[in-house]
């Protein structure tokens, strides 16, 4: 499954309790689930998760509870998703995180600076707003087309500066912190023998990064969450706030399992 589509599964659902509890199921290793007479391998999104049974392995089912909280439950082999029972005992909820989340959500994240709705991002390459929490950026060559790329040119938009030219190492480009300025928008072009990929992104201001860190602190500190559940919830938060690239980076290790 392509990273972009898998990320969309994990970040785009809205649970509607009265019409069935929608969820995303992420497998730990070799997990299989049974639904509508057939076995499937996660990650997968269901509009109604009631009755979905874990056949092998362990699965994290993440959904919107009837308390309007993002929550995840860990299901083992033989367990069945039961929305009524989970609503009565939410388990790994995130009330403190939810209240902070509500104060941050502003506008439509799909219309923020960077690529427009019609543009399709290339997995691994930055687009829209990018947190770059450590100052630098790692661009992973994830697709077959991207793996043909031999160089990357990065140019700041609207300011006078020298372009940065990089070559890949171990299947990725590493953009040093010294090459990026917070609040600045950049255009990039990746080129190979018969490949050319272009895009642009904006590096978040330090104040924006700090705001995000404060918002997710309760979620990061929640010891009741396993690592998969934490990543899914963090990815959803980043996605909803316009940081789709950072959300994809969080989800990438899960998709590669």
Protein backbone atom coordinates (compact mmCIF):
# COMPACT_ATOMS: atom_id res chain seq x y z
CA UNK A 1 0.00 0.00 0.00
CA UNK A 2 1.37 3.39 -0.89
CA UNK A 3 2.34 5.63 2.01
CA UNK A 4 0.06 8.47 0.94
CA UNK A 5 -3.04 6.32 0.79
CA UNK A 6 -2.17 4.58 4.05
CA UNK A 7 -1.64 7.94 5.71
CA UNK A 8 -5.01 9.11 4.46
CA UNK A 9 -6.58 6.05 6.07
CA UNK A 10 -5.06 6.98 9.38
CA UNK A 11 -5.81 10.67 9.33
CA UNK A 12 -9.02 11.38 7.47
CA UNK A 13 -11.84 9.57 9.25
CA UNK A 14 -14.62 11.20 11.27
CA UNK A 15 -16.34 8.82 13.68
CA UNK A 16 -20.15 9.00 13.46
CA UNK A 17 -21.37 7.01 16.44
CA UNK A 18 -25.04 6.92 15.44
CA UNK A 19 -24.28 5.48 12.00
CA UNK A 20 -21.60 3.05 13.20
CA UNK A 21 -18.21 3.69 14.73
CA UNK A 22 -15.60 4.34 12.04
CA UNK A 23 -12.04 3.42 12.89
CA UNK A 24 -8.56 2.86 11.57
CA UNK A 25 -6.86 -0.42 12.40
CA UNK A 26 -3.07 -0.60 12.47
CA UNK A 27 -1.41 -4.02 12.76
CA UNK A 28 1.62 -4.86 14.89
CA UNK A 29 3.78 -7.03 12.66
CA UNK A 30 1.97 -9.95 10.95
CA UNK A 31 -1.59 -9.09 11.97
CA UNK A 32 -4.76 -10.26 10.20
CA UNK A 33 -8.38 -9.24 10.77
CA UNK A 34 -11.66 -10.83 9.68
CA UNK A 35 -14.57 -8.80 8.34
CA UNK A 36 -17.51 -9.57 6.05
CA UNK A 37 -16.40 -13.13 5.46
CA UNK A 38 -12.79 -12.43 4.50
CA UNK A 39 -9.39 -11.90 6.12
CA UNK A 40 -7.55 -8.64 5.56
CA UNK A 41 -4.22 -7.16 6.56
CA UNK A 42 -4.08 -3.76 8.29
CA UNK A 43 -3.69 -0.83 8.01
CA UNK A 44 -7.28 -0.38 6.92
CA UNK A 45 -10.14 2.06 7.54
CA UNK A 46 -13.73 0.96 8.19
CA UNK A 47 -16.83 3.14 8.21
CA UNK A 48 -18.27 0.76 10.82
CA UNK A 49 -15.84 -1.33 12.86
CA UNK A 50 -18.41 -3.25 14.90
CA UNK A 51 -17.83 -6.97 14.58
CA UNK A 52 -14.34 -6.74 13.06
CA UNK A 53 -12.34 -9.60 14.62
CA UNK A 54 -8.60 -9.97 15.04
CA UNK A 55 -7.49 -13.33 13.64
CA UNK A 56 -3.74 -13.22 14.31
CA UNK A 57 -1.32 -10.80 15.91
CA UNK A 58 -2.21 -7.57 17.68
CA UNK A 59 -4.13 -4.60 16.29
CA UNK A 60 -4.57 -1.01 17.46
CA UNK A 61 -8.08 0.25 16.66
CA UNK A 62 -8.20 4.06 16.76
CA UNK A 63 -11.53 5.86 16.59
CA UNK A 64 -13.62 8.83 17.74
CA UNK A 65 -15.51 7.87 20.89
CA UNK A 66 -19.02 9.08 21.68
CA UNK A 67 -17.33 11.60 24.00
CA UNK A 68 -15.69 13.17 20.94
CA UNK A 69 -12.27 11.93 22.03
CA UNK A 70 -9.67 10.35 19.80
CA UNK A 71 -9.00 7.00 21.45
CA UNK A 72 -7.26 3.72 20.68
CA UNK A 73 -7.84 0.17 21.91
CA UNK A 74 -5.42 -2.72 21.59
CA UNK A 75 -7.05 -5.91 20.29
CA UNK A 76 -5.40 -9.32 20.44
CA UNK A 77 -6.11 -12.48 18.45
CA UNK A 78 -9.70 -13.54 19.10
CA UNK A 79 -10.87 -10.05 20.18
CA UNK A 80 -13.76 -8.33 18.38
CA UNK A 81 -14.36 -4.60 18.06
CA UNK A 82 -17.36 -3.66 20.22
CA UNK A 83 -18.28 0.05 19.97
CA UNK A 84 -20.79 -0.09 22.83
CA UNK A 85 -18.32 -1.67 25.25
CA UNK A 86 -15.53 0.65 24.19
CA UNK A 87 -17.76 3.69 24.66
CA UNK A 88 -18.49 2.61 28.24
CA UNK A 89 -14.78 1.99 28.92
CA UNK A 90 -12.84 4.22 26.49
CA UNK A 91 -9.40 2.97 27.60
CA UNK A 92 -6.62 5.03 26.03
CA UNK A 93 -8.43 8.32 25.77
CA UNK A 94 -6.92 11.77 25.40
CA UNK A 95 -9.16 14.29 27.13
CA UNK A 96 -6.42 16.77 28.04
CA UNK A 97 -5.01 16.47 24.56
CA UNK A 98 -8.46 16.96 23.03
CA UNK A 99 -9.04 20.22 24.88
CA UNK A 100 -5.70 21.56 23.70
CA UNK A 101 -6.40 20.34 20.19
CA UNK A 102 -9.68 22.26 20.07
CA UNK A 103 -7.90 25.51 20.88
CA UNK A 104 -5.45 25.05 18.00
CA UNK A 105 -7.68 23.98 15.14
CA UNK A 106 -8.14 26.96 12.84
CA UNK A 107 -9.40 26.91 9.28
CA UNK A 108 -9.02 24.27 6.63
CA UNK A 109 -5.57 22.59 6.73
CA UNK A 110 -5.94 21.69 3.05
CA UNK A 111 -5.76 25.34 1.99
CA UNK A 112 -2.62 26.40 3.82
CA UNK A 113 0.48 27.67 2.08
CA UNK A 114 2.22 25.21 -0.25
CA UNK A 115 0.64 22.72 -2.59
CA UNK A 116 -3.01 23.19 -3.52
CA UNK A 117 -5.83 20.67 -3.31
CA UNK A 118 -5.26 19.60 -6.93
CA UNK A 119 -1.58 18.82 -6.45
CA UNK A 120 -0.55 15.33 -5.36
CA UNK A 121 2.49 15.23 -3.08
CA UNK A 122 5.28 12.75 -3.69
CA UNK A 123 5.73 10.49 -0.63
CA UNK A 124 8.87 11.41 1.29
CA UNK A 125 9.15 14.93 -0.18
CA UNK A 126 8.11 18.00 1.85
CA UNK A 127 4.99 20.00 1.01
CA UNK A 128 2.64 22.53 2.62
CA UNK A 129 3.82 23.43 6.13
CA UNK A 130 6.73 21.50 7.63
CA UNK A 131 7.63 21.56 11.32
CA UNK A 132 11.32 20.59 11.01
CA UNK A 133 11.48 20.46 14.82
CA UNK A 134 15.25 19.94 14.86
CA UNK A 135 15.85 22.64 12.25
CA UNK A 136 16.92 20.29 9.45
CA UNK A 137 15.00 17.99 7.15
CA UNK A 138 15.32 14.43 5.86
CA UNK A 139 13.79 13.66 2.46
CA UNK A 140 13.41 9.92 1.92
CA UNK A 141 13.25 8.46 -1.59
CA UNK A 142 10.29 6.14 -1.05
CA UNK A 143 8.75 5.57 -4.47
CA UNK A 144 10.19 3.82 -7.52
CA UNK A 145 10.18 7.14 -9.40
CA UNK A 146 11.91 8.97 -6.55
CA UNK A 147 14.64 6.34 -6.32
CA UNK A 148 15.79 7.41 -9.80
CA UNK A 149 16.56 10.91 -8.50
CA UNK A 150 20.25 11.87 -8.49
CA UNK A 151 20.15 15.45 -7.24
CA UNK A 152 17.96 17.90 -5.36
CA UNK A 153 18.02 21.69 -5.74
CA UNK A 154 16.46 23.76 -2.96
CA UNK A 155 15.80 27.50 -3.36
CA UNK A 156 14.28 30.02 -0.94
CA UNK A 157 11.33 31.99 -2.33
CA UNK A 158 11.25 35.75 -1.89
CA UNK A 159 14.71 36.19 -0.39
CA UNK A 160 18.17 36.45 -1.93
CA UNK A 161 20.22 33.38 -1.14
CA UNK A 162 22.29 30.71 -2.85
CA UNK A 163 20.49 27.55 -3.97
CA UNK A 164 21.36 24.36 -2.14
CA UNK A 165 22.34 21.38 -4.32
CA UNK A 166 22.30 17.93 -2.70
CA UNK A 167 23.00 14.35 -3.76
CA UNK A 168 21.33 11.39 -2.04
CA UNK A 169 23.04 9.24 0.57
CA UNK A 170 21.58 5.89 1.63
CA UNK A 171 18.33 6.61 -0.19
CA UNK A 172 17.70 10.04 1.28
CA UNK A 173 18.60 13.71 1.12
CA UNK A 174 19.65 15.43 4.33
CA UNK A 175 18.96 19.16 4.43
CA UNK A 176 21.01 20.74 7.25
CA UNK A 177 19.43 23.16 9.69
CA UNK A 178 21.82 25.86 8.47
CA UNK A 179 20.14 25.74 5.03
CA UNK A 180 16.63 26.46 6.31
CA UNK A 181 15.12 29.63 7.74
CA UNK A 182 11.93 29.45 9.78
CA UNK A 183 8.90 31.14 8.24
CA UNK A 184 10.43 30.90 4.77
CA UNK A 185 8.90 29.14 1.79
CA UNK A 186 11.12 26.95 -0.40
CA UNK A 187 10.87 25.46 -3.88
CA UNK A 188 12.62 22.19 -4.64
CA UNK A 189 13.38 20.22 -7.79
CA UNK A 190 14.57 16.62 -7.77
CA UNK A 191 16.16 15.39 -11.01
CA UNK A 192 17.25 12.01 -12.39
CA UNK A 193 18.04 10.59 -15.83
CA UNK A 194 14.37 10.47 -16.89
CA UNK A 195 12.77 11.90 -13.74
CA UNK A 196 11.90 15.40 -12.59
CA UNK A 197 9.82 16.12 -9.49
CA UNK A 198 8.99 19.59 -8.21
CA UNK A 199 7.31 20.99 -5.13
CA UNK A 200 7.40 23.63 -2.45
CA UNK A 201 6.97 23.89 1.29
CA UNK A 202 7.11 26.36 4.15
CA UNK A 203 9.16 25.87 7.31
CA UNK A 204 7.13 26.60 10.43
CA UNK A 205 8.06 29.49 12.70
CA UNK A 206 9.68 28.64 16.03
CA UNK A 207 6.53 29.87 17.79
CA UNK A 208 4.41 27.49 15.70
CA UNK A 209 6.67 24.55 16.56
CA UNK A 210 6.48 25.42 20.25
CA UNK A 211 2.69 25.67 20.08
CA UNK A 212 2.48 22.21 18.54
CA UNK A 213 4.85 20.76 21.17
CA UNK A 214 2.72 22.16 23.98
CA UNK A 215 -0.44 20.80 22.37
CA UNK A 216 0.82 17.24 22.01
CA UNK A 217 2.63 17.09 25.37
CA UNK A 218 -0.30 15.31 27.13
CA UNK A 219 -0.46 12.75 24.34
CA UNK A 220 3.31 12.15 24.38
CA UNK A 221 3.21 11.69 28.18
CA UNK A 222 0.19 9.32 28.16
CA UNK A 223 1.63 6.01 29.38
CA UNK A 224 -1.59 4.15 28.56
CA UNK A 225 -0.89 4.41 24.82
CA UNK A 226 1.25 1.92 22.95
CA UNK A 227 3.68 3.29 20.37
CA UNK A 228 1.46 2.54 17.38
CA UNK A 229 -1.57 4.25 18.91
CA UNK A 230 0.52 7.26 19.86
CA UNK A 231 1.87 7.62 16.35
CA UNK A 232 -1.60 7.37 14.79
CA UNK A 233 -3.04 10.03 17.09
CA UNK A 234 -0.05 12.35 16.65
CA UNK A 235 -0.24 11.91 12.88
CA UNK A 236 -3.91 12.79 12.90
CA UNK A 237 -3.19 15.92 14.93
CA UNK A 238 -0.40 17.04 12.58
CA UNK A 239 -2.59 16.37 9.55
CA UNK A 240 -5.55 18.34 10.91
CA UNK A 241 -3.28 21.30 11.68
CA UNK A 242 -1.76 21.44 8.20
CA UNK A 243 1.45 19.46 8.79
CA UNK A 244 0.70 16.55 6.46
CA UNK A 245 4.38 15.90 5.69
CA UNK A 246 5.18 15.47 9.39
CA UNK A 247 2.16 13.19 9.74
CA UNK A 248 3.45 11.03 6.89
CA UNK A 249 6.90 10.81 8.47
CA UNK A 250 5.32 9.58 11.71
CA UNK A 251 3.33 6.93 9.89
CA UNK A 252 6.12 5.72 7.58
CA UNK A 253 7.65 3.19 10.04
CA UNK A 254 4.21 1.61 10.57
CA UNK A 255 3.54 1.28 6.86
CA UNK A 256 6.94 -0.36 6.33
CA UNK A 257 6.20 -3.09 8.90
